[in-house]
C-alpha atoms as a PDB file:
ATOM      1  CA  MET A   1       0.000   0.000   0.000  1.00  0.00           C
ATOM      2  CA  THR A   2       1.211   3.499  -0.799  1.00  0.00           C
ATOM      3  CA  ILE A   3       0.035   6.908   0.257  1.00  0.00           C
ATOM      4  CA  PHE A   4      -0.296   9.715  -2.295  1.00  0.00           C
ATOM      5  CA  THR A   5      -0.583  13.276  -1.044  1.00  0.00           C
ATOM      6  CA  SER A   6      -1.528  16.179  -3.319  1.00  0.00           C
ATOM      7  CA  MET A   7       0.495  19.349  -3.658  1.00  0.00           C
ATOM      8  CA  ARG A   8      -0.210  22.303  -1.404  1.00  0.00           C
ATOM      9  CA  GLN A   9       1.150  25.805  -1.581  1.00  0.00           C
ATOM     10  CA  GLY A  10       4.730  25.951  -0.307  1.00  0.00           C
ATOM     11  CA  PHE A  11       7.246  28.563   0.680  1.00  0.00           C
ATOM     12  CA  ALA A  12       8.778  30.687  -2.038  1.00  0.00           C
ATOM     13  CA  GLY A  13      12.434  30.062  -2.715  1.00  0.00           C
ATOM     14  CA  HIS A  14      12.506  26.495  -1.393  1.00  0.00           C
ATOM     15  CA  LEU A  15      12.402  23.133  -3.064  1.00  0.00           C
ATOM     16  CA  ILE A  16       9.104  21.778  -1.829  1.00  0.00           C
ATOM     17  CA  VAL A  17       7.550  18.413  -2.414  1.00  0.00           C
ATOM     18  CA  ARG A  18       4.506  17.565  -4.491  1.00  0.00           C
ATOM     19  CA  ARG A  19       3.857  13.990  -3.437  1.00  0.00           C
ATOM     20  CA  LEU A  20       4.842  11.541  -0.764  1.00  0.00           C
ATOM     21  CA  ILE A  21       4.991   7.825  -1.514  1.00  0.00           C
ATOM     22  CA  VAL A  22       5.565   5.977   1.720  1.00  0.00           C
ATOM     23  CA  THR A  23       4.916   2.706   3.443  1.00  0.00           C
ATOM     24  CA  PRO A  24       2.082   3.117   5.973  1.00  0.00           C
ATOM     25  CA  LEU A  25       4.101   1.634   8.824  1.00  0.00           C
ATOM     26  CA  ILE A  26       5.081   3.863  11.713  1.00  0.00           C
ATOM     27  CA  VAL A  27       8.682   3.448  12.750  1.00  0.00           C
ATOM     28  CA  ILE A  28      11.027   4.572  15.470  1.00  0.00           C
ATOM     29  CA  GLY A  29      14.206   5.861  13.925  1.00  0.00           C
ATOM     30  CA  MET A  30      16.751   8.635  14.045  1.00  0.00           C
ATOM     31  CA  LEU A  31      15.118  11.978  13.270  1.00  0.00           C
ATOM     32  CA  THR A  32      17.079  14.930  14.588  1.00  0.00           C
ATOM     33  CA  VAL A  33      14.795  17.195  16.606  1.00  0.00           C
ATOM     34  CA  VAL A  34      17.155  18.691  19.189  1.00  0.00           C
ATOM     35  CA  PRO A  35      20.581  18.875  17.522  1.00  0.00           C
ATOM     36  CA  ILE A  36      23.744  18.566  19.570  1.00  0.00           C
ATOM     37  CA  THR A  37      25.563  21.901  19.393  1.00  0.00           C
ATOM     38  CA  THR A  38      29.046  20.706  18.518  1.00  0.00           C
ATOM     39  CA  SER A  39      31.471  22.618  16.322  1.00  0.00           C
ATOM     40  CA  ALA A  40      33.092  20.809  13.382  1.00  0.00           C
ATOM     41  CA  GLN A  41      36.567  22.296  13.058  1.00  0.00           C
ATOM     42  CA  SER A  42      38.497  19.312  11.725  1.00  0.00           C
ATOM     43  CA  THR A  43      38.229  17.159   8.632  1.00  0.00           C
ATOM     44  CA  THR A  44      39.323  13.962  10.354  1.00  0.00           C
ATOM     45  CA  GLY A  45      37.161  11.615  12.349  1.00  0.00           C
ATOM     46  CA  ASP A  46      39.853  11.324  15.042  1.00  0.00           C
ATOM     47  CA  ASP A  47      39.234  14.933  16.087  1.00  0.00           C
ATOM     48  CA  LEU A  48      35.464  14.683  16.416  1.00  0.00           C
ATOM     49  CA  PRO A  49      33.986  15.169  19.918  1.00  0.00           C
ATOM     50  CA  PRO A  50      34.584  12.161  22.205  1.00  0.00           C
ATOM     51  CA  LEU A  51      31.054  12.095  23.676  1.00  0.00           C
ATOM     52  CA  HIS A  52      29.145   8.933  22.865  1.00  0.00           C
ATOM     53  CA  LYS A  53      26.440   9.256  20.262  1.00  0.00           C
ATOM     54  CA  LEU A  54      23.873   6.610  19.429  1.00  0.00           C
ATOM     55  CA  GLY A  55      24.971   4.701  16.344  1.00  0.00           C
ATOM     56  CA  VAL A  56      28.546   6.019  16.316  1.00  0.00           C
ATOM     57  CA  SER A  57      31.553   3.964  17.400  1.00  0.00           C
ATOM     58  CA  ALA A  58      34.083   5.230  19.920  1.00  0.00           C
ATOM     59  CA  GLN A  59      36.546   5.858  17.069  1.00  0.00           C
ATOM     60  CA  ASP A  60      33.955   7.770  14.979  1.00  0.00           C
ATOM     61  CA  HIS A  61      35.075   7.133  11.413  1.00  0.00           C
ATOM     62  CA  ARG A  62      33.035   9.942   9.843  1.00  0.00           C
ATOM     63  CA  VAL A  63      34.907  12.649   7.917  1.00  0.00           C
ATOM     64  CA  ARG A  64      33.644  15.925   6.538  1.00  0.00           C
ATOM     65  CA  LEU A  65      32.967  15.852   2.803  1.00  0.00           C
ATOM     66  CA  GLU A  66      34.186  19.276   1.730  1.00  0.00           C
ATOM     67  CA  GLN A  67      34.384  20.307  -1.927  1.00  0.00           C
ATOM     68  CA  ALA A  68      33.467  16.769  -2.891  1.00  0.00           C
ATOM     69  CA  GLY A  69      32.032  15.828  -6.263  1.00  0.00           C
ATOM     70  CA  TRP A  70      29.374  13.328  -7.292  1.00  0.00           C
ATOM     71  CA  PRO A  71      27.707  11.311  -5.793  1.00  0.00           C
ATOM     72  CA  TRP A  72      27.959  13.522  -2.706  1.00  0.00           C
ATOM     73  CA  THR A  73      26.556  16.551  -4.529  1.00  0.00           C
ATOM     74  CA  SER A  74      23.320  14.609  -5.066  1.00  0.00           C
ATOM     75  CA  LEU A  75      22.736  14.147  -1.346  1.00  0.00           C
ATOM     76  CA  GLY A  76      20.837  16.772   0.596  1.00  0.00           C
ATOM     77  CA  ARG A  77      19.230  17.687   3.882  1.00  0.00           C
ATOM     78  CA  VAL A  78      15.512  16.998   4.313  1.00  0.00           C
ATOM     79  CA  ASN A  79      14.211  19.862   6.447  1.00  0.00           C
ATOM     80  CA  ARG A  80      10.825  19.775   8.159  1.00  0.00           C
ATOM     81  CA  ALA A  81       8.787  22.911   8.878  1.00  0.00           C
ATOM     82  CA  ILE A  82       7.730  21.402  12.213  1.00  0.00           C
ATOM     83  CA  GLY A  83      11.382  20.903  13.203  1.00  0.00           C
ATOM     84  CA  GLY A  84      14.073  18.306  12.727  1.00  0.00           C
ATOM     85  CA  PHE A  85      15.863  17.055   9.643  1.00  0.00           C
ATOM     86  CA  CYS A  86      17.054  13.915   7.911  1.00  0.00           C
ATOM     87  CA  THR A  87      19.115  13.079   4.838  1.00  0.00           C
ATOM     88  CA  GLY A  88      17.877  12.306   1.324  1.00  0.00           C
ATOM     89  CA  ALA A  89      19.328  11.174  -2.001  1.00  0.00           C
ATOM     90  CA  LEU A  90      18.339  12.437  -5.453  1.00  0.00           C
ATOM     91  CA  VAL A  91      17.425   9.308  -7.430  1.00  0.00           C
ATOM     92  CA  ALA A  92      15.768  11.037 -10.410  1.00  0.00           C
ATOM     93  CA  PRO A  93      15.607  14.717 -11.462  1.00  0.00           C
ATOM     94  CA  HIS A  94      12.441  15.238  -9.397  1.00  0.00           C
ATOM     95  CA  TRP A  95      12.511  12.320  -6.954  1.00  0.00           C
ATOM     96  CA  MET A  96      14.297  12.113  -3.605  1.00  0.00           C
ATOM     97  CA  LEU A  97      14.637   8.953  -1.506  1.00  0.00           C
ATOM     98  CA  THR A  98      14.665   9.107   2.302  1.00  0.00           C
ATOM     99  CA  ALA A  99      13.401   7.239   5.367  1.00  0.00           C
ATOM    100  CA  ALA A 100       9.641   7.051   5.953  1.00  0.00           C
ATOM    101  CA  HIS A 101       9.791   8.245   9.552  1.00  0.00           C
ATOM    102  CA  CYS A 102      11.400  11.468   8.307  1.00  0.00           C
ATOM    103  CA  VAL A 103       8.105  12.522   6.695  1.00  0.00           C
ATOM    104  CA  TYR A 104       5.854  11.515   9.584  1.00  0.00           C
ATOM    105  CA  ASN A 105       4.578  13.855  12.287  1.00  0.00           C
ATOM    106  CA  PHE A 106       4.675  11.905  15.546  1.00  0.00           C
ATOM    107  CA  ASP A 107       2.816  14.693  17.379  1.00  0.00           C
ATOM    108  CA  ASP A 108      -0.431  14.464  15.407  1.00  0.00           C
ATOM    109  CA  ARG A 109       0.201  10.943  14.063  1.00  0.00           C
ATOM    110  CA  HIS A 110      -0.214  11.935  10.431  1.00  0.00           C
ATOM    111  CA  TRP A 111       2.055  12.048   7.416  1.00  0.00           C
ATOM    112  CA  ALA A 112       3.683  15.428   6.880  1.00  0.00           C
ATOM    113  CA  ILE A 113       2.051  18.021   4.646  1.00  0.00           C
ATOM    114  CA  PRO A 114       4.105  17.978   1.425  1.00  0.00           C
ATOM    115  CA  SER A 115       4.819  21.711   1.506  1.00  0.00           C
ATOM    116  CA  ASP A 116       6.311  21.278   4.991  1.00  0.00           C
ATOM    117  CA  ILE A 117       9.126  19.097   3.633  1.00  0.00           C
ATOM    118  CA  HIS A 118      12.046  20.943   2.049  1.00  0.00           C
ATOM    119  CA  PHE A 119      14.924  19.190   0.261  1.00  0.00           C
ATOM    120  CA  VAL A 120      18.176  21.158   0.077  1.00  0.00           C
ATOM    121  CA  VAL A 121      20.427  19.262  -2.319  1.00  0.00           C
ATOM    122  CA  GLY A 122      24.168  19.629  -1.730  1.00  0.00           C
ATOM    123  CA  TYR A 123      23.541  21.431   1.554  1.00  0.00           C
ATOM    124  CA  ASP A 124      26.706  22.651   3.278  1.00  0.00           C
ATOM    125  CA  ASP A 125      26.789  25.654   5.584  1.00  0.00           C
ATOM    126  CA  ALA A 126      30.237  25.303   7.279  1.00  0.00           C
ATOM    127  CA  ASP A 127      14.222   0.100  16.859  1.00  0.00           C
ATOM    128  CA  ARG A 128      12.371  -2.040  15.807  1.00  0.00           C
ATOM    129  CA  PRO A 129      13.796  -4.189  12.947  1.00  0.00           C
ATOM    130  CA  SER A 130      10.409  -5.433  11.733  1.00  0.00           C
ATOM    131  CA  GLU A 131       9.392  -1.819  11.120  1.00  0.00           C
ATOM    132  CA  MET A 132      12.742  -0.554   9.890  1.00  0.00           C
ATOM    133  CA  ALA A 133      12.607  -2.994   6.981  1.00  0.00           C
ATOM    134  CA  HIS A 134       9.823  -0.833   5.530  1.00  0.00           C
ATOM    135  CA  ASP A 135      11.296   2.517   6.531  1.00  0.00           C
ATOM    136  CA  TRP A 136      11.546   4.283   3.164  1.00  0.00           C
ATOM    137  CA  ALA A 137       9.803   7.146   1.383  1.00  0.00           C
ATOM    138  CA  LEU A 138       9.910   8.651  -2.102  1.00  0.00           C
ATOM    139  CA  VAL A 139       9.392  12.397  -2.281  1.00  0.00           C
ATOM    140  CA  GLU A 140       8.492  14.141  -5.546  1.00  0.00           C
ATOM    141  CA  LEU A 141       9.980  17.634  -5.824  1.00  0.00           C
ATOM    142  CA  ASP A 142       8.205  20.630  -7.353  1.00  0.00           C
ATOM    143  CA  ARG A 143      10.795  20.920 -10.144  1.00  0.00           C
ATOM    144  CA  ASP A 144      13.672  19.012 -11.696  1.00  0.00           C
ATOM    145  CA  LEU A 145      17.167  19.460 -10.300  1.00  0.00           C
ATOM    146  CA  THR A 146      20.256  19.648 -12.478  1.00  0.00           C
ATOM    147  CA  GLU A 147      22.460  17.527 -10.214  1.00  0.00           C
ATOM    148  CA  LYS A 148      23.200  14.037 -11.497  1.00  0.00           C
ATOM    149  CA  PRO A 149      20.926  11.523  -9.714  1.00  0.00           C
ATOM    150  CA  ILE A 150      22.420   8.542  -7.918  1.00  0.00           C
ATOM    151  CA  PRO A 151      21.313   5.283  -9.540  1.00  0.00           C
ATOM    152  CA  ILE A 152      19.565   2.572  -7.564  1.00  0.00           C
ATOM    153  CA  ALA A 153      21.172  -0.867  -7.717  1.00  0.00           C
ATOM    154  CA  ARG A 154      19.162  -3.272  -9.853  1.00  0.00           C
ATOM    155  CA  GLN A 155      19.905  -6.316  -7.732  1.00  0.00           C
ATOM    156  CA  GLU A 156      19.880  -6.958  -3.991  1.00  0.00           C
ATOM    157  CA  ILE A 157      23.286  -7.430  -2.431  1.00  0.00           C
ATOM    158  CA  SER A 158      24.313 -10.820  -1.104  1.00  0.00           C
ATOM    159  CA  LEU A 159      26.321 -11.706   1.985  1.00  0.00           C
ATOM    160  CA  ALA A 160      27.083 -15.194   0.700  1.00  0.00           C
ATOM    161  CA  ASN A 161      30.736 -14.267   0.273  1.00  0.00           C
ATOM    162  CA  GLY A 162      30.993 -12.216   3.442  1.00  0.00           C
ATOM    163  CA  PRO A 163      30.318  -8.596   4.443  1.00  0.00           C
ATOM    164  CA  VAL A 164      29.683  -6.023   1.730  1.00  0.00           C
ATOM    165  CA  THR A 165      31.692  -2.800   1.778  1.00  0.00           C
ATOM    166  CA  VAL A 166      29.680   0.423   1.530  1.00  0.00           C
ATOM    167  CA  THR A 167      29.879   4.141   2.281  1.00  0.00           C
ATOM    168  CA  VAL A 168      27.265   6.075   4.267  1.00  0.00           C
ATOM    169  CA  ALA A 169      27.005   9.857   3.924  1.00  0.00           C
ATOM    170  CA  GLY A 170      24.515  12.223   5.517  1.00  0.00           C
ATOM    171  CA  TYR A 171      23.747  15.163   7.789  1.00  0.00           C
ATOM    172  CA  SER A 172      24.076  14.288  11.473  1.00  0.00           C
ATOM    173  CA  GLY A 173      22.686  16.134  14.468  1.00  0.00           C
ATOM    174  CA  ASP A 174      26.175  16.915  15.754  1.00  0.00           C
ATOM    175  CA  PHE A 175      27.337  18.193  12.334  1.00  0.00           C
ATOM    176  CA  GLU A 176      24.061  19.515  10.986  1.00  0.00           C
ATOM    177  CA  GLU A 177      25.545  22.080   8.596  1.00  0.00           C
ATOM    178  CA  VAL A 178      27.973  19.815   6.728  1.00  0.00           C
ATOM    179  CA  LEU A 179      27.909  16.482   4.940  1.00  0.00           C
ATOM    180  CA  THR A 180      29.982  13.731   6.555  1.00  0.00           C
ATOM    181  CA  ALA A 181      30.692  10.181   5.457  1.00  0.00           C
ATOM    182  CA  HIS A 182      31.970   6.899   6.839  1.00  0.00           C
ATOM    183  CA  ARG A 183      33.820   5.267   3.965  1.00  0.00           C
ATOM    184  CA  ASN A 184      34.523   1.553   3.620  1.00  0.00           C
ATOM    185  CA  CYS A 185      32.257   0.362   6.417  1.00  0.00           C
ATOM    186  CA  GLN A 186      30.368  -2.897   6.019  1.00  0.00           C
ATOM    187  CA  ILE A 187      26.962  -4.499   5.856  1.00  0.00           C
ATOM    188  CA  VAL A 188      27.652  -7.419   8.148  1.00  0.00           C
ATOM    189  CA  GLY A 189      24.375  -9.312   8.512  1.00  0.00           C
ATOM    190  CA  GLN A 190      20.623  -9.260   8.330  1.00  0.00           C
ATOM    191  CA  ALA A 191      17.691  -9.566  10.702  1.00  0.00           C
ATOM    192  CA  SER A 192      14.334 -11.233  10.114  1.00  0.00           C
ATOM    193  CA  PRO A 193      12.203  -9.980   8.482  1.00  0.00           C
ATOM    194  CA  LYS A 194      14.859  -8.837   6.076  1.00  0.00           C
ATOM    195  CA  ILE A 195      16.773  -5.761   7.137  1.00  0.00           C
ATOM    196  CA  TRP A 196      20.461  -5.097   6.760  1.00  0.00           C
ATOM    197  CA  LEU A 197      22.724  -4.711   9.793  1.00  0.00           C
ATOM    198  CA  HIS A 198      25.853  -2.596   9.317  1.00  0.00           C
ATOM    199  CA  ASP A 199      28.756  -1.141  11.294  1.00  0.00           C
ATOM    200  CA  CYS A 200      28.757   2.308   9.694  1.00  0.00           C
ATOM    201  CA  ASP A 201      28.799   5.334  12.005  1.00  0.00           C
ATOM    202  CA  ALA A 202      25.422   7.052  11.595  1.00  0.00           C
ATOM    203  CA  THR A 203      23.579   8.947  14.310  1.00  0.00           C
ATOM    204  CA  PHE A 204      20.521  11.220  14.613  1.00  0.00           C
ATOM    205  CA  GLY A 205      19.863  13.139  11.399  1.00  0.00           C
ATOM    206  CA  ALA A 206      21.473  10.471   9.224  1.00  0.00           C
ATOM    207  CA  SER A 207      18.184   8.625   8.740  1.00  0.00           C
ATOM    208  CA  GLY A 208      17.484   8.341   5.031  1.00  0.00           C
ATOM    209  CA  SER A 209      21.167   8.439   4.131  1.00  0.00           C
ATOM    210  CA  PRO A 210      21.991   6.082   1.267  1.00  0.00           C
ATOM    211  CA  LEU A 211      24.289   3.125   1.732  1.00  0.00           C
ATOM    212  CA  LEU A 212      26.400   3.443  -1.396  1.00  0.00           C
ATOM    213  CA  ARG A 213      28.412   0.806  -3.167  1.00  0.00           C
ATOM    214  CA  ILE A 214      31.222   2.700  -4.902  1.00  0.00           C
ATOM    215  CA  ASN A 215      33.490   1.297  -7.591  1.00  0.00           C
ATOM    216  CA  GLY A 216      35.880   3.767  -9.143  1.00  0.00           C
ATOM    217  CA  GLY A 217      33.803   6.679 -10.427  1.00  0.00           C
ATOM    218  CA  ALA A 218      30.539   4.736 -10.245  1.00  0.00           C
ATOM    219  CA  ALA A 219      28.154   4.650  -7.291  1.00  0.00           C
ATOM    220  CA  GLU A 220      24.786   3.050  -6.615  1.00  0.00           C
ATOM    221  CA  ILE A 221      22.343   2.943  -3.708  1.00  0.00           C
ATOM    222  CA  VAL A 222      21.941  -0.498  -2.132  1.00  0.00           C
ATOM    223  CA  ALA A 223      20.008   0.421   1.042  1.00  0.00           C
ATOM    224  CA  ILE A 224      18.677   3.328   3.132  1.00  0.00           C
ATOM    225  CA  GLN A 225      19.815   4.127   6.682  1.00  0.00           C
ATOM    226  CA  SER A 226      16.959   3.636   9.126  1.00  0.00           C
ATOM    227  CA  GLY A 227      18.105   3.552  12.756  1.00  0.00           C
ATOM    228  CA  VAL A 228      20.050   1.799  15.480  1.00  0.00           C
ATOM    229  CA  VAL A 229      19.189  -1.271  17.529  1.00  0.00           C
ATOM    230  CA  THR A 230      20.488  -1.475  21.094  1.00  0.00           C
ATOM    231  CA  PHE A 231      20.802  -4.966  22.559  1.00  0.00           C
ATOM    232  CA  LYS A 232      20.422  -5.991  26.193  1.00  0.00           C
ATOM    233  CA  ASP A 233      24.197  -5.974  26.613  1.00  0.00           C
ATOM    234  CA  LYS A 234      24.201  -2.297  25.474  1.00  0.00           C
ATOM    235  CA  LYS A 235      25.864  -3.124  22.175  1.00  0.00           C
ATOM    236  CA  GLU A 236      24.543  -1.191  19.184  1.00  0.00           C
ATOM    237  CA  ILE A 237      24.269  -1.925  15.495  1.00  0.00           C
ATOM    238  CA  SER A 238      22.876   0.228  12.714  1.00  0.00           C
ATOM    239  CA  THR A 239      20.041  -0.896  10.457  1.00  0.00           C
ATOM    240  CA  ALA A 240      19.117  -0.148   6.858  1.00  0.00           C
ATOM    241  CA  ALA A 241      16.050  -0.765   4.718  1.00  0.00           C
ATOM    242  CA  PRO A 242      17.013  -3.128   1.880  1.00  0.00           C
ATOM    243  CA  LEU A 243      16.799  -2.427  -1.822  1.00  0.00           C
ATOM    244  CA  SER A 244      13.976  -4.938  -2.194  1.00  0.00           C
ATOM    245  CA  SER A 245      11.690  -2.804  -0.006  1.00  0.00           C
ATOM    246  CA  PHE A 246      11.649   0.265  -2.259  1.00  0.00           C
ATOM    247  CA  LEU A 247      12.803  -0.940  -5.707  1.00  0.00           C
ATOM    248  CA  PRO A 248       9.294  -2.069  -6.790  1.00  0.00           C
ATOM    249  CA  ALA A 249       7.924   1.433  -6.200  1.00  0.00           C
ATOM    250  CA  LEU A 250      10.747   2.976  -8.215  1.00  0.00           C
ATOM    251  CA  SER A 251      10.223   0.495 -11.035  1.00  0.00           C
ATOM    252  CA  ALA A 252       6.513   1.326 -11.133  1.00  0.00           C
ATOM    253  CA  LEU A 253       7.256   5.058 -11.397  1.00  0.00           C
ATOM    254  CA  ALA A 254       9.618   4.448 -14.297  1.00  0.00           C
ATOM    255  CA  GLN A 255       6.911   2.776 -16.380  1.00  0.00           C
END
């Protein structure tokens, strides 16, 4: 089942959305509502603040992506008029892919009004696994963007030969003005029903960030960051909605 929402008048000067296509399942994920006020002065993960953040390892492998080219220029911040933000990826000139819980208003328990969602592409101004498997949303923008979209993989990844190396990039609550990435992290397993488990550093605000498989100058989206699961022993692992959960909707739009 999908939900279609008609266009309403938006704010002048912003990229607003025309339609939301989402799974109707309410999820608990990582939407940044009260950002951590931490200054990002360094470009190396070793110099990031030592305070523990949900979903980020003690080493914190994220680095600032400054003056980076594609595919990073096709990522953007998903801002909400009611507060908070997530990360989205441009997958077609007028379609952005993000996490479903990023376009849901938990206060009134309704999907967000399209004009209240603003996608700022290239932005840079210096737990429940059964639900997370369906945590994706497609957002139609009010006009085409000129940035090169990031292609969606055509086939689900396989862990038959071991972990799969990926890169996660997004806007985090502790570095809300800049794009950061954890390169060469890994999808290490899956939960049932199917959802990918990975060791990439991704905290609040990174929901909706694409898990990218990069090979030379090529990149493709293989999953979407959803949240973090904390086990009884306090260990954490990040989760991502698999390609198979949102590829059928993309294929239908392309027809």
